[in-house]
């Protein structure tokens, strides 16, 4: 009974750390993407939506590398 409880507790603890790390990474990516979108809006007008999208992809890609 004790080993079952210890195994379950260890598993829940590991999952909680993994979820916290994933949430922090996702928040950082969201703020980076928002920043890149703001820069793209300043650089390209609404008519050039494809250029805006390419700029955001390049901006996020270069920041990750």
PDB file of N, CA and C in Angstrom:
ATOM      1  N   UNK A   1       0.821  -1.184   0.000  1.00  0.00           N
ATOM      2  CA  UNK A   1       0.000   0.000   0.000  1.00  0.00           C
ATOM      3  C   UNK A   1       0.871   1.256   0.000  1.00  0.00           C
ATOM      4  N   UNK A   2       1.930   1.214   0.805  1.00  0.00           N
ATOM      5  CA  UNK A   2       2.829   2.367   0.873  1.00  0.00           C
ATOM      6  C   UNK A   2       3.531   2.625  -0.459  1.00  0.00           C
ATOM      7  N   UNK A   3       3.972   1.573  -1.108  1.00  0.00           N
ATOM      8  CA  UNK A   3       4.682   1.743  -2.376  1.00  0.00           C
ATOM      9  C   UNK A   3       3.755   2.296  -3.449  1.00  0.00           C
ATOM     10  N   UNK A   4       2.507   1.880  -3.425  1.00  0.00           N
ATOM     11  CA  UNK A   4       1.532   2.405  -4.376  1.00  0.00           C
ATOM     12  C   UNK A   4       1.328   3.906  -4.151  1.00  0.00           C
ATOM     13  N   UNK A   5       1.178   4.298  -2.904  1.00  0.00           N
ATOM     14  CA  UNK A   5       0.996   5.704  -2.575  1.00  0.00           C
ATOM     15  C   UNK A   5       2.242   6.523  -2.941  1.00  0.00           C
ATOM     16  N   UNK A   6       3.419   6.014  -2.655  1.00  0.00           N
ATOM     17  CA  UNK A   6       4.662   6.718  -2.967  1.00  0.00           C
ATOM     18  C   UNK A   6       4.842   6.866  -4.478  1.00  0.00           C
ATOM     19  N   UNK A   7       4.525   5.828  -5.230  1.00  0.00           N
ATOM     20  CA  UNK A   7       4.630   5.874  -6.686  1.00  0.00           C
ATOM     21  C   UNK A   7       3.654   6.889  -7.266  1.00  0.00           C
ATOM     22  N   UNK A   8       2.437   6.892  -6.764  1.00  0.00           N
ATOM     23  CA  UNK A   8       1.428   7.832  -7.218  1.00  0.00           C
ATOM     24  C   UNK A   8       1.832   9.278  -6.895  1.00  0.00           C
ATOM     25  N   UNK A   9       2.338   9.511  -5.712  1.00  0.00           N
ATOM     26  CA  UNK A   9       2.766  10.850  -5.310  1.00  0.00           C
ATOM     27  C   UNK A   9       3.935  11.325  -6.174  1.00  0.00           C
ATOM     28  N   UNK A  10       4.884  10.462  -6.451  1.00  0.00           N
ATOM     29  CA  UNK A  10       6.024  10.824  -7.280  1.00  0.00           C
ATOM     30  C   UNK A  10       5.578  11.147  -8.702  1.00  0.00           C
ATOM     31  N   UNK A  11       4.646  10.382  -9.211  1.00  0.00           N
ATOM     32  CA  UNK A  11       4.128  10.629 -10.556  1.00  0.00           C
ATOM     33  C   UNK A  11       3.414  11.977 -10.645  1.00  0.00           C
ATOM     34  N   UNK A  12       2.580  12.284  -9.675  1.00  0.00           N
ATOM     35  CA  UNK A  12       1.878  13.572  -9.654  1.00  0.00           C
ATOM     36  C   UNK A  12       2.848  14.740  -9.513  1.00  0.00           C
ATOM     37  N   UNK A  13       3.871  14.560  -8.740  1.00  0.00           N
ATOM     38  CA  UNK A  13       4.877  15.609  -8.574  1.00  0.00           C
ATOM     39  C   UNK A  13       5.621  15.863  -9.877  1.00  0.00           C
ATOM     40  N   UNK A  14       5.973  14.811 -10.580  1.00  0.00           N
ATOM     41  CA  UNK A  14       6.673  14.961 -11.861  1.00  0.00           C
ATOM     42  C   UNK A  14       5.788  15.647 -12.891  1.00  0.00           C
ATOM     43  N   UNK A  15       4.516  15.297 -12.924  1.00  0.00           N
ATOM     44  CA  UNK A  15       3.586  15.908 -13.874  1.00  0.00           C
ATOM     45  C   UNK A  15       3.399  17.392 -13.566  1.00  0.00           C
ATOM     46  N   UNK A  16       3.343  17.747 -12.291  1.00  0.00           N
ATOM     47  CA  UNK A  16       3.148  19.149 -11.934  1.00  0.00           C
ATOM     48  C   UNK A  16       4.344  20.002 -12.358  1.00  0.00           C
ATOM     49  N   UNK A  17       5.550  19.491 -12.253  1.00  0.00           N
ATOM     50  CA  UNK A  17       6.727  20.243 -12.699  1.00  0.00           C
ATOM     51  C   UNK A  17       6.740  20.400 -14.216  1.00  0.00           C
ATOM     52  N   UNK A  18       6.349  19.360 -14.917  1.00  0.00           N
ATOM     53  CA  UNK A  18       6.320  19.417 -16.377  1.00  0.00           C
ATOM     54  C   UNK A  18       5.281  20.426 -16.850  1.00  0.00           C
ATOM     55  N   UNK A  19       4.135  20.479 -16.216  1.00  0.00           N
ATOM     56  CA  UNK A  19       3.074  21.416 -16.597  1.00  0.00           C
ATOM     57  C   UNK A  19       3.513  22.852 -16.337  1.00  0.00           C
ATOM     58  N   UNK A  20       4.205  23.107 -15.247  1.00  0.00           N
ATOM     59  CA  UNK A  20       4.679  24.449 -14.925  1.00  0.00           C
ATOM     60  C   UNK A  20       5.718  24.914 -15.939  1.00  0.00           C
ATOM     61  N   UNK A  21       6.624  24.065 -16.322  1.00  0.00           N
ATOM     62  CA  UNK A  21       7.651  24.430 -17.296  1.00  0.00           C
ATOM     63  C   UNK A  21       7.031  24.705 -18.660  1.00  0.00           C
ATOM     64  N   UNK A  22       6.040  23.927 -19.036  1.00  0.00           N
ATOM     65  CA  UNK A  22       5.366  24.131 -20.318  1.00  0.00           C
ATOM     66  C   UNK A  22       4.612  25.456 -20.330  1.00  0.00           C
ATOM     67  N   UNK A  23       3.970  25.805 -19.240  1.00  0.00           N
ATOM     68  CA  UNK A  23       3.220  27.061 -19.162  1.00  0.00           C
ATOM     69  C   UNK A  23       4.158  28.263 -19.262  1.00  0.00           C
ATOM     70  N   UNK A  24       5.329  28.185 -18.642  1.00  0.00           N
ATOM     71  CA  UNK A  24       6.285  29.293 -18.707  1.00  0.00           C
ATOM     72  C   UNK A  24       6.812  29.471 -20.125  1.00  0.00           C
ATOM     73  N   UNK A  25       7.078  28.383 -20.810  1.00  0.00           N
ATOM     74  CA  UNK A  25       7.567  28.449 -22.184  1.00  0.00           C
ATOM     75  C   UNK A  25       6.498  29.020 -23.101  1.00  0.00           C
ATOM     76  N   UNK A  26       5.272  28.614 -22.915  1.00  0.00           N
ATOM     77  CA  UNK A  26       4.164  29.082 -23.757  1.00  0.00           C
ATOM     78  C   UNK A  26       3.943  30.581 -23.553  1.00  0.00           C
ATOM     79  N   UNK A  27       4.051  31.067 -22.315  1.00  0.00           N
ATOM     80  CA  UNK A  27       3.854  32.490 -22.043  1.00  0.00           C
ATOM     81  C   UNK A  27       4.943  33.315 -22.715  1.00  0.00           C
ATOM     82  N   UNK A  28       6.180  32.847 -22.660  1.00  0.00           N
ATOM     83  CA  UNK A  28       7.286  33.561 -23.283  1.00  0.00           C
ATOM     84  C   UNK A  28       7.093  33.624 -24.795  1.00  0.00           C
ATOM     85  N   UNK A  29       6.650  32.520 -25.394  1.00  0.00           N
ATOM     86  CA  UNK A  29       6.434  32.470 -26.836  1.00  0.00           C
ATOM     87  C   UNK A  29       5.305  33.417 -27.240  1.00  0.00           C
ATOM     88  N   UNK A  30       4.249  33.504 -26.438  1.00  0.00           N
ATOM     89  CA  UNK A  30       3.107  34.365 -26.749  1.00  0.00           C
ATOM     90  C   UNK A  30       3.519  35.827 -26.718  1.00  0.00           C
ATOM     91  N   UNK A  31       4.302  36.221 -25.724  1.00  0.00           N
ATOM     92  CA  UNK A  31       4.725  37.620 -25.649  1.00  0.00           C
ATOM     93  C   UNK A  31       5.702  37.950 -26.774  1.00  0.00           C
ATOM     94  N   UNK A  32       6.541  37.006 -27.152  1.00  0.00           N
ATOM     95  CA  UNK A  32       7.464  37.217 -28.266  1.00  0.00           C
ATOM     96  C   UNK A  32       6.694  37.391 -29.568  1.00  0.00           C
ATOM     97  N   UNK A  33       5.696  36.548 -29.777  1.00  0.00           N
ATOM     98  CA  UNK A  33       4.892  36.630 -30.999  1.00  0.00           C
ATOM     99  C   UNK A  33       4.110  37.940 -31.047  1.00  0.00           C
ATOM    100  N   UNK A  34       3.600  38.397 -29.912  1.00  0.00           N
ATOM    101  CA  UNK A  34       2.864  39.662 -29.874  1.00  0.00           C
ATOM    102  C   UNK A  34       3.789  40.827 -30.208  1.00  0.00           C
ATOM    103  N   UNK A  35       5.006  40.767 -29.718  1.00  0.00           N
ATOM    104  CA  UNK A  35       5.981  41.809 -30.030  1.00  0.00           C
ATOM    105  C   UNK A  35       6.310  41.829 -31.519  1.00  0.00           C
ATOM    106  N   UNK A  36       6.492  40.658 -32.090  1.00  0.00           N
ATOM    107  CA  UNK A  36       6.788  40.568 -33.527  1.00  0.00           C
ATOM    108  C   UNK A  36       5.608  41.047 -34.368  1.00  0.00           C
ATOM    109  N   UNK A  37       4.396  40.751 -33.933  1.00  0.00           N
ATOM    110  CA  UNK A  37       3.220  41.210 -34.660  1.00  0.00           C
ATOM    111  C   UNK A  37       3.106  42.731 -34.618  1.00  0.00           C
ATOM    112  N   UNK A  38       3.453  43.322 -33.487  1.00  0.00           N
ATOM    113  CA  UNK A  38       3.417  44.782 -33.380  1.00  0.00           C
ATOM    114  C   UNK A  38       4.449  45.417 -34.309  1.00  0.00           C
ATOM    115  N   UNK A  39       5.627  44.828 -34.387  1.00  0.00           N
ATOM    116  CA  UNK A  39       6.657  45.343 -35.298  1.00  0.00           C
ATOM    117  C   UNK A  39       6.212  45.206 -36.746  1.00  0.00           C
ATOM    118  N   UNK A  40       5.575  44.104 -37.082  1.00  0.00           N
ATOM    119  CA  UNK A  40       5.098  43.877 -38.445  1.00  0.00           C
ATOM    120  C   UNK A  40       4.005  44.876 -38.807  1.00  0.00           C
ATOM    121  N   UNK A  41       3.155  45.213 -37.848  1.00  0.00           N
ATOM    122  CA  UNK A  41       2.083  46.180 -38.105  1.00  0.00           C
ATOM    123  C   UNK A  41       2.659  47.566 -38.393  1.00  0.00           C
ATOM    124  N   UNK A  42       3.756  47.904 -37.740  1.00  0.00           N
ATOM    125  CA  UNK A  42       4.400  49.193 -37.988  1.00  0.00           C
ATOM    126  C   UNK A  42       5.085  49.207 -39.355  1.00  0.00           C
ATOM    127  N   UNK A  43       5.619  48.069 -39.745  1.00  0.00           N
ATOM    128  CA  UNK A  43       6.415  48.013 -40.963  1.00  0.00           C
ATOM    129  C   UNK A  43       5.569  47.849 -42.229  1.00  0.00           C
ATOM    130  N   UNK A  44       4.484  47.071 -42.151  1.00  0.00           N
ATOM    131  CA  UNK A  44       3.664  46.784 -43.328  1.00  0.00           C
ATOM    132  C   UNK A  44       2.217  47.191 -43.079  1.00  0.00           C
ATOM    133  N   UNK A  45       1.560  47.688 -44.107  1.00  0.00           N
ATOM    134  CA  UNK A  45       0.154  48.079 -43.986  1.00  0.00           C
ATOM    135  C   UNK A  45      -0.735  46.838 -43.983  1.00  0.00           C
ATOM    136  N   UNK A  46      -2.028  47.044 -43.736  1.00  0.00           N
ATOM    137  CA  UNK A  46      -2.973  45.931 -43.667  1.00  0.00           C
ATOM    138  C   UNK A  46      -3.154  45.248 -45.015  1.00  0.00           C
ATOM    139  N   UNK A  47      -2.835  45.937 -46.074  1.00  0.00           N
ATOM    140  CA  UNK A  47      -2.974  45.357 -47.412  1.00  0.00           C
ATOM    141  C   UNK A  47      -1.967  44.233 -47.622  1.00  0.00           C
ATOM    142  N   UNK A  48      -0.802  44.355 -47.034  1.00  0.00           N
ATOM    143  CA  UNK A  48       0.282  43.377 -47.235  1.00  0.00           C
ATOM    144  C   UNK A  48       0.277  42.325 -46.121  1.00  0.00           C
ATOM    145  N   UNK A  49      -0.846  41.595 -45.999  1.00  0.00           N
ATOM    146  CA  UNK A  49      -0.964  40.625 -44.916  1.00  0.00           C
ATOM    147  C   UNK A  49       0.015  39.471 -45.056  1.00  0.00           C
ATOM    148  N   UNK A  50       0.376  39.097 -46.287  1.00  0.00           N
ATOM    149  CA  UNK A  50       1.334  37.994 -46.467  1.00  0.00           C
ATOM    150  C   UNK A  50       2.736  38.419 -46.034  1.00  0.00           C
ATOM    151  N   UNK A  51       3.100  39.648 -46.322  1.00  0.00           N
ATOM    152  CA  UNK A  51       4.406  40.151 -45.889  1.00  0.00           C
ATOM    153  C   UNK A  51       4.451  40.238 -44.370  1.00  0.00           C
ATOM    154  N   UNK A  52       3.332  40.646 -43.757  1.00  0.00           N
ATOM    155  CA  UNK A  52       3.263  40.703 -42.293  1.00  0.00           C
ATOM    156  C   UNK A  52       3.470  39.318 -41.695  1.00  0.00           C
ATOM    157  N   UNK A  53       2.781  38.330 -42.249  1.00  0.00           N
ATOM    158  CA  UNK A  53       2.884  36.970 -41.732  1.00  0.00           C
ATOM    159  C   UNK A  53       4.302  36.439 -41.862  1.00  0.00           C
ATOM    160  N   UNK A  54       4.931  36.675 -43.014  1.00  0.00           N
ATOM    161  CA  UNK A  54       6.315  36.233 -43.211  1.00  0.00           C
ATOM    162  C   UNK A  54       7.262  36.925 -42.233  1.00  0.00           C
ATOM    163  N   UNK A  55       7.028  38.210 -42.002  1.00  0.00           N
ATOM    164  CA  UNK A  55       7.873  38.954 -41.072  1.00  0.00           C
ATOM    165  C   UNK A  55       7.750  38.379 -39.657  1.00  0.00           C
ATOM    166  N   UNK A  56       6.531  38.070 -39.245  1.00  0.00           N
ATOM    167  CA  UNK A  56       6.327  37.505 -37.902  1.00  0.00           C
ATOM    168  C   UNK A  56       7.009  36.144 -37.792  1.00  0.00           C
ATOM    169  N   UNK A  57       6.885  35.309 -38.812  1.00  0.00           N
ATOM    170  CA  UNK A  57       7.532  33.989 -38.778  1.00  0.00           C
ATOM    171  C   UNK A  57       9.058  34.116 -38.680  1.00  0.00           C
ATOM    172  N   UNK A  58       9.627  35.048 -39.468  1.00  0.00           N
ATOM    173  CA  UNK A  58      11.070  35.249 -39.417  1.00  0.00           C
ATOM    174  C   UNK A  58      11.503  35.818 -38.069  1.00  0.00           C
ATOM    175  N   UNK A  59      10.732  36.731 -37.545  1.00  0.00           N
ATOM    176  CA  UNK A  59      11.072  37.361 -36.268  1.00  0.00           C
ATOM    177  C   UNK A  59      11.062  36.325 -35.139  1.00  0.00           C
ATOM    178  N   UNK A  60      10.020  35.524 -35.070  1.00  0.00           N
ATOM    179  CA  UNK A  60       9.924  34.504 -34.026  1.00  0.00           C
ATOM    180  C   UNK A  60      11.004  33.437 -34.228  1.00  0.00           C
ATOM    181  N   UNK A  61      11.229  33.055 -35.461  1.00  0.00           N
ATOM    182  CA  UNK A  61      12.256  32.049 -35.754  1.00  0.00           C
ATOM    183  C   UNK A  61      13.654  32.501 -35.409  1.00  0.00           C
ATOM    184  N   UNK A  62      13.967  33.762 -35.694  1.00  0.00           N
ATOM    185  CA  UNK A  62      15.306  34.272 -35.389  1.00  0.00           C
ATOM    186  C   UNK A  62      15.500  34.467 -33.898  1.00  0.00           C
ATOM    187  N   UNK A  63      14.437  34.765 -33.179  1.00  0.00           N
ATOM    188  CA  UNK A  63      14.539  34.951 -31.726  1.00  0.00           C
ATOM    189  C   UNK A  63      14.726  33.620 -30.999  1.00  0.00           C
ATOM    190  N   UNK A  64      14.143  32.555 -31.542  1.00  0.00           N
ATOM    191  CA  UNK A  64      14.286  31.232 -30.906  1.00  0.00           C
ATOM    192  C   UNK A  64      15.683  30.680 -31.105  1.00  0.00           C
ATOM    193  N   UNK A  65      16.297  30.962 -32.224  1.00  0.00           N
ATOM    194  CA  UNK A  65      17.602  30.383 -32.539  1.00  0.00           C
ATOM    195  C   UNK A  65      18.723  31.017 -31.787  1.00  0.00           C
TER     196      UNK A  65
END
